[in-house]
Amino acid sequence: MPDANDAPEPQDTSAWSRDAAGKAHLIAAFDPQSGNYHFPPPPKTLTKLLELQQRTLSNRAILYSYTVLHPHKTSSRPPFTLAYVDFPEGIRLMGRLDIPAGTKPKIGGELETALEGDADGKTDYFFRPVKTEADK
């Protein structure tokens, strides 16, 4: 009969956290041998096997590129914007970009990571433009 200590440890599937100020940060796995980041991080068992390090990414990123997706008209979903962003740590990620209606994203513009929950209690990340003094 297997011992309770032989049970696999639960997998932490969160790929984000909040700092003391409440700002959202994505969490990536870093491979010190290759210098590469992996997002989302692989399961903890693989992270340990590959000797990857957990790294919290900056809250800020720069917009590298974006595209507006138009779901099929039968889906009744509105168009949405996906962004490809560069983090100062040297990793480029894709995520939803939340921009005010009627505005166009600015390539090279500064974005911040944010989190939102849905009706099912699931949390997901997205990016939004950083507000400047002129925007306030």
C-alpha atoms as a PDB file:
ATOM      1  CA  MET A   1       0.000   0.000   0.000  1.00  0.00           C
ATOM      2  CA  PRO A   2       1.450   3.400  -0.959  1.00  0.00           C
ATOM      3  CA  ASP A   3       2.475   5.689   1.843  1.00  0.00           C
ATOM      4  CA  ALA A   4       0.744   9.077   2.104  1.00  0.00           C
ATOM      5  CA  ASN A   5       4.162  10.679   1.678  1.00  0.00           C
ATOM      6  CA  ASP A   6       4.420   9.125  -1.809  1.00  0.00           C
ATOM      7  CA  ALA A   7       1.457  11.138  -3.082  1.00  0.00           C
ATOM      8  CA  PRO A   8       2.382  13.735  -5.679  1.00  0.00           C
ATOM      9  CA  GLU A   9       2.380  17.271  -4.381  1.00  0.00           C
ATOM     10  CA  PRO A  10      -0.444  19.485  -5.608  1.00  0.00           C
ATOM     11  CA  GLN A  11       0.457  21.594  -8.623  1.00  0.00           C
ATOM     12  CA  ASP A  12       0.406  25.354  -8.193  1.00  0.00           C
ATOM     13  CA  THR A  13      -1.202  26.640 -11.354  1.00  0.00           C
ATOM     14  CA  SER A  14      -1.010  30.353 -10.536  1.00  0.00           C
ATOM     15  CA  ALA A  15       1.177  32.238 -12.952  1.00  0.00           C
ATOM     16  CA  TRP A  16       0.669  35.601 -11.275  1.00  0.00           C
ATOM     17  CA  SER A  17       0.760  37.325  -7.912  1.00  0.00           C
ATOM     18  CA  ARG A  18       0.290  40.740  -6.335  1.00  0.00           C
ATOM     19  CA  ASP A  19       2.992  42.699  -4.573  1.00  0.00           C
ATOM     20  CA  ALA A  20       2.579  44.574  -1.270  1.00  0.00           C
ATOM     21  CA  ALA A  21       1.226  47.598  -3.170  1.00  0.00           C
ATOM     22  CA  GLY A  22      -1.399  45.421  -4.902  1.00  0.00           C
ATOM     23  CA  LYS A  23       0.239  45.560  -8.337  1.00  0.00           C
ATOM     24  CA  ALA A  24      -0.094  42.442 -10.501  1.00  0.00           C
ATOM     25  CA  HIS A  25       3.003  40.526 -11.595  1.00  0.00           C
ATOM     26  CA  LEU A  26       3.346  37.487 -13.841  1.00  0.00           C
ATOM     27  CA  ILE A  27       5.479  34.592 -12.608  1.00  0.00           C
ATOM     28  CA  ALA A  28       7.771  32.775 -15.033  1.00  0.00           C
ATOM     29  CA  ALA A  29      10.249  29.921 -14.753  1.00  0.00           C
ATOM     30  CA  PHE A  30      13.867  30.860 -15.487  1.00  0.00           C
ATOM     31  CA  ASP A  31      16.492  28.417 -16.741  1.00  0.00           C
ATOM     32  CA  PRO A  32      19.866  29.644 -15.419  1.00  0.00           C
ATOM     33  CA  GLN A  33      21.751  27.344 -17.804  1.00  0.00           C
ATOM     34  CA  SER A  34      20.205  28.764 -20.990  1.00  0.00           C
ATOM     35  CA  GLY A  35      19.054  32.150 -19.705  1.00  0.00           C
ATOM     36  CA  ASN A  36      15.555  31.484 -21.093  1.00  0.00           C
ATOM     37  CA  TYR A  37      12.234  32.217 -19.426  1.00  0.00           C
ATOM     38  CA  HIS A  38       9.191  29.935 -19.677  1.00  0.00           C
ATOM     39  CA  PHE A  39       5.643  31.255 -19.315  1.00  0.00           C
ATOM     40  CA  PRO A  40       3.427  29.935 -18.037  1.00  0.00           C
ATOM     41  CA  PRO A  41       5.788  28.082 -15.742  1.00  0.00           C
ATOM     42  CA  PRO A  42       5.741  24.291 -16.097  1.00  0.00           C
ATOM     43  CA  PRO A  43       4.374  22.119 -13.258  1.00  0.00           C
ATOM     44  CA  LYS A  44       6.488  22.115 -10.088  1.00  0.00           C
ATOM     45  CA  THR A  45       7.660  18.549 -10.652  1.00  0.00           C
ATOM     46  CA  LEU A  46       9.154  19.510 -14.024  1.00  0.00           C
ATOM     47  CA  THR A  47      10.493  22.787 -12.627  1.00  0.00           C
ATOM     48  CA  LYS A  48      12.401  20.838  -9.967  1.00  0.00           C
ATOM     49  CA  LEU A  49      13.623  18.240 -12.456  1.00  0.00           C
ATOM     50  CA  LEU A  50      14.950  20.902 -14.843  1.00  0.00           C
ATOM     51  CA  GLU A  51      16.259  23.047 -11.962  1.00  0.00           C
ATOM     52  CA  LEU A  52      14.261  26.067 -13.091  1.00  0.00           C
ATOM     53  CA  GLN A  53      13.942  29.107 -10.855  1.00  0.00           C
ATOM     54  CA  GLN A  54      10.682  30.924 -10.200  1.00  0.00           C
ATOM     55  CA  ARG A  55      10.978  34.600 -11.138  1.00  0.00           C
ATOM     56  CA  THR A  56       8.466  37.379 -10.654  1.00  0.00           C
ATOM     57  CA  LEU A  57       8.369  39.630 -13.705  1.00  0.00           C
ATOM     58  CA  SER A  58       8.129  43.401 -13.661  1.00  0.00           C
ATOM     59  CA  ASN A  59       4.656  44.938 -13.555  1.00  0.00           C
ATOM     60  CA  ARG A  60       5.532  47.002 -16.644  1.00  0.00           C
ATOM     61  CA  ALA A  61       6.130  45.994 -20.260  1.00  0.00           C
ATOM     62  CA  ILE A  62       6.470  47.661 -23.667  1.00  0.00           C
ATOM     63  CA  LEU A  63       4.014  47.020 -26.511  1.00  0.00           C
ATOM     64  CA  TYR A  64       5.903  45.235 -29.293  1.00  0.00           C
ATOM     65  CA  SER A  65       2.936  44.397 -31.543  1.00  0.00           C
ATOM     66  CA  TYR A  66      -0.799  43.795 -31.436  1.00  0.00           C
ATOM     67  CA  THR A  67      -3.685  42.439 -33.443  1.00  0.00           C
ATOM     68  CA  VAL A  68      -7.441  42.871 -33.218  1.00  0.00           C
ATOM     69  CA  LEU A  69      -9.349  39.602 -33.383  1.00  0.00           C
ATOM     70  CA  HIS A  70     -12.879  39.556 -34.737  1.00  0.00           C
ATOM     71  CA  PRO A  71     -14.730  36.428 -33.567  1.00  0.00           C
ATOM     72  CA  HIS A  72     -17.174  34.869 -36.016  1.00  0.00           C
ATOM     73  CA  LYS A  73     -20.438  36.813 -36.141  1.00  0.00           C
ATOM     74  CA  THR A  74     -22.392  33.802 -34.832  1.00  0.00           C
ATOM     75  CA  SER A  75     -20.378  33.845 -31.588  1.00  0.00           C
ATOM     76  CA  SER A  76     -21.841  37.228 -30.530  1.00  0.00           C
ATOM     77  CA  ARG A  77     -18.476  38.087 -28.951  1.00  0.00           C
ATOM     78  CA  PRO A  78     -17.101  41.569 -29.616  1.00  0.00           C
ATOM     79  CA  PRO A  79     -13.675  42.106 -31.206  1.00  0.00           C
ATOM     80  CA  PHE A  80     -10.749  42.101 -28.777  1.00  0.00           C
ATOM     81  CA  THR A  81      -7.088  43.062 -28.909  1.00  0.00           C
ATOM     82  CA  LEU A  82      -4.155  40.730 -28.285  1.00  0.00           C
ATOM     83  CA  ALA A  83      -0.797  42.275 -27.455  1.00  0.00           C
ATOM     84  CA  TYR A  84       2.748  40.975 -27.788  1.00  0.00           C
ATOM     85  CA  VAL A  85       4.756  42.711 -25.042  1.00  0.00           C
ATOM     86  CA  ASP A  86       8.415  42.933 -24.038  1.00  0.00           C
ATOM     87  CA  PHE A  87       9.318  42.721 -20.355  1.00  0.00           C
ATOM     88  CA  PRO A  88      12.568  44.249 -19.052  1.00  0.00           C
ATOM     89  CA  GLU A  89      13.670  40.759 -18.010  1.00  0.00           C
ATOM     90  CA  GLY A  90      14.013  39.829 -21.684  1.00  0.00           C
ATOM     91  CA  ILE A  91      10.860  37.761 -22.178  1.00  0.00           C
ATOM     92  CA  ARG A  92       8.167  38.504 -24.761  1.00  0.00           C
ATOM     93  CA  LEU A  93       4.606  37.410 -23.931  1.00  0.00           C
ATOM     94  CA  MET A  94       1.156  37.565 -25.467  1.00  0.00           C
ATOM     95  CA  GLY A  95      -1.994  38.577 -23.639  1.00  0.00           C
ATOM     96  CA  ARG A  96      -5.220  40.488 -23.969  1.00  0.00           C
ATOM     97  CA  LEU A  97      -4.876  44.268 -24.198  1.00  0.00           C
ATOM     98  CA  ASP A  98      -7.582  46.366 -22.558  1.00  0.00           C
ATOM     99  CA  ILE A  99      -7.741  49.792 -24.190  1.00  0.00           C
ATOM    100  CA  PRO A 100     -10.364  52.525 -23.946  1.00  0.00           C
ATOM    101  CA  ALA A 101     -12.999  52.401 -26.684  1.00  0.00           C
ATOM    102  CA  GLY A 102     -12.076  54.456 -29.722  1.00  0.00           C
ATOM    103  CA  THR A 103      -8.340  54.450 -29.000  1.00  0.00           C
ATOM    104  CA  LYS A 104      -5.551  52.718 -30.860  1.00  0.00           C
ATOM    105  CA  PRO A 105      -2.617  50.989 -29.118  1.00  0.00           C
ATOM    106  CA  LYS A 106       0.759  52.720 -29.455  1.00  0.00           C
ATOM    107  CA  ILE A 107       3.673  50.487 -30.479  1.00  0.00           C
ATOM    108  CA  GLY A 108       6.441  51.162 -27.963  1.00  0.00           C
ATOM    109  CA  GLY A 109       3.916  52.362 -25.395  1.00  0.00           C
ATOM    110  CA  GLU A 110       4.265  51.369 -21.756  1.00  0.00           C
ATOM    111  CA  LEU A 111       1.781  48.823 -20.419  1.00  0.00           C
ATOM    112  CA  GLU A 112       1.080  47.418 -16.983  1.00  0.00           C
ATOM    113  CA  THR A 113      -0.003  43.932 -16.006  1.00  0.00           C
ATOM    114  CA  ALA A 114      -3.438  43.665 -14.387  1.00  0.00           C
ATOM    115  CA  LEU A 115      -5.649  40.849 -13.095  1.00  0.00           C
ATOM    116  CA  GLU A 116      -9.379  40.289 -13.353  1.00  0.00           C
ATOM    117  CA  GLY A 117     -11.789  37.620 -12.188  1.00  0.00           C
ATOM    118  CA  ASP A 118     -14.755  36.233 -14.082  1.00  0.00           C
ATOM    119  CA  ALA A 119     -18.172  35.054 -12.919  1.00  0.00           C
ATOM    120  CA  ASP A 120     -16.791  31.527 -12.392  1.00  0.00           C
ATOM    121  CA  GLY A 121     -14.127  32.793  -9.989  1.00  0.00           C
ATOM    122  CA  LYS A 122     -11.255  32.272 -12.431  1.00  0.00           C
ATOM    123  CA  THR A 123      -8.540  34.923 -12.513  1.00  0.00           C
ATOM    124  CA  ASP A 124      -6.674  35.897 -15.653  1.00  0.00           C
ATOM    125  CA  TYR A 125      -4.113  38.519 -16.572  1.00  0.00           C
ATOM    126  CA  PHE A 126      -4.300  41.269 -19.168  1.00  0.00           C
ATOM    127  CA  PHE A 127      -2.345  44.367 -20.118  1.00  0.00           C
ATOM    128  CA  ARG A 128      -3.445  47.994 -20.147  1.00  0.00           C
ATOM    129  CA  PRO A 129      -1.734  51.268 -21.018  1.00  0.00           C
ATOM    130  CA  VAL A 130       0.020  53.032 -18.151  1.00  0.00           C
ATOM    131  CA  LYS A 131      -1.743  56.281 -17.325  1.00  0.00           C
ATOM    132  CA  THR A 132       0.464  59.329 -17.656  1.00  0.00           C
ATOM    133  CA  GLU A 133      -0.073  62.675 -15.928  1.00  0.00           C
ATOM    134  CA  ALA A 134      -1.719  63.928 -19.144  1.00  0.00           C
ATOM    135  CA  ASP A 135      -4.231  61.040 -18.977  1.00  0.00           C
ATOM    136  CA  LYS A 136      -5.312  61.794 -15.401  1.00  0.00           C
END
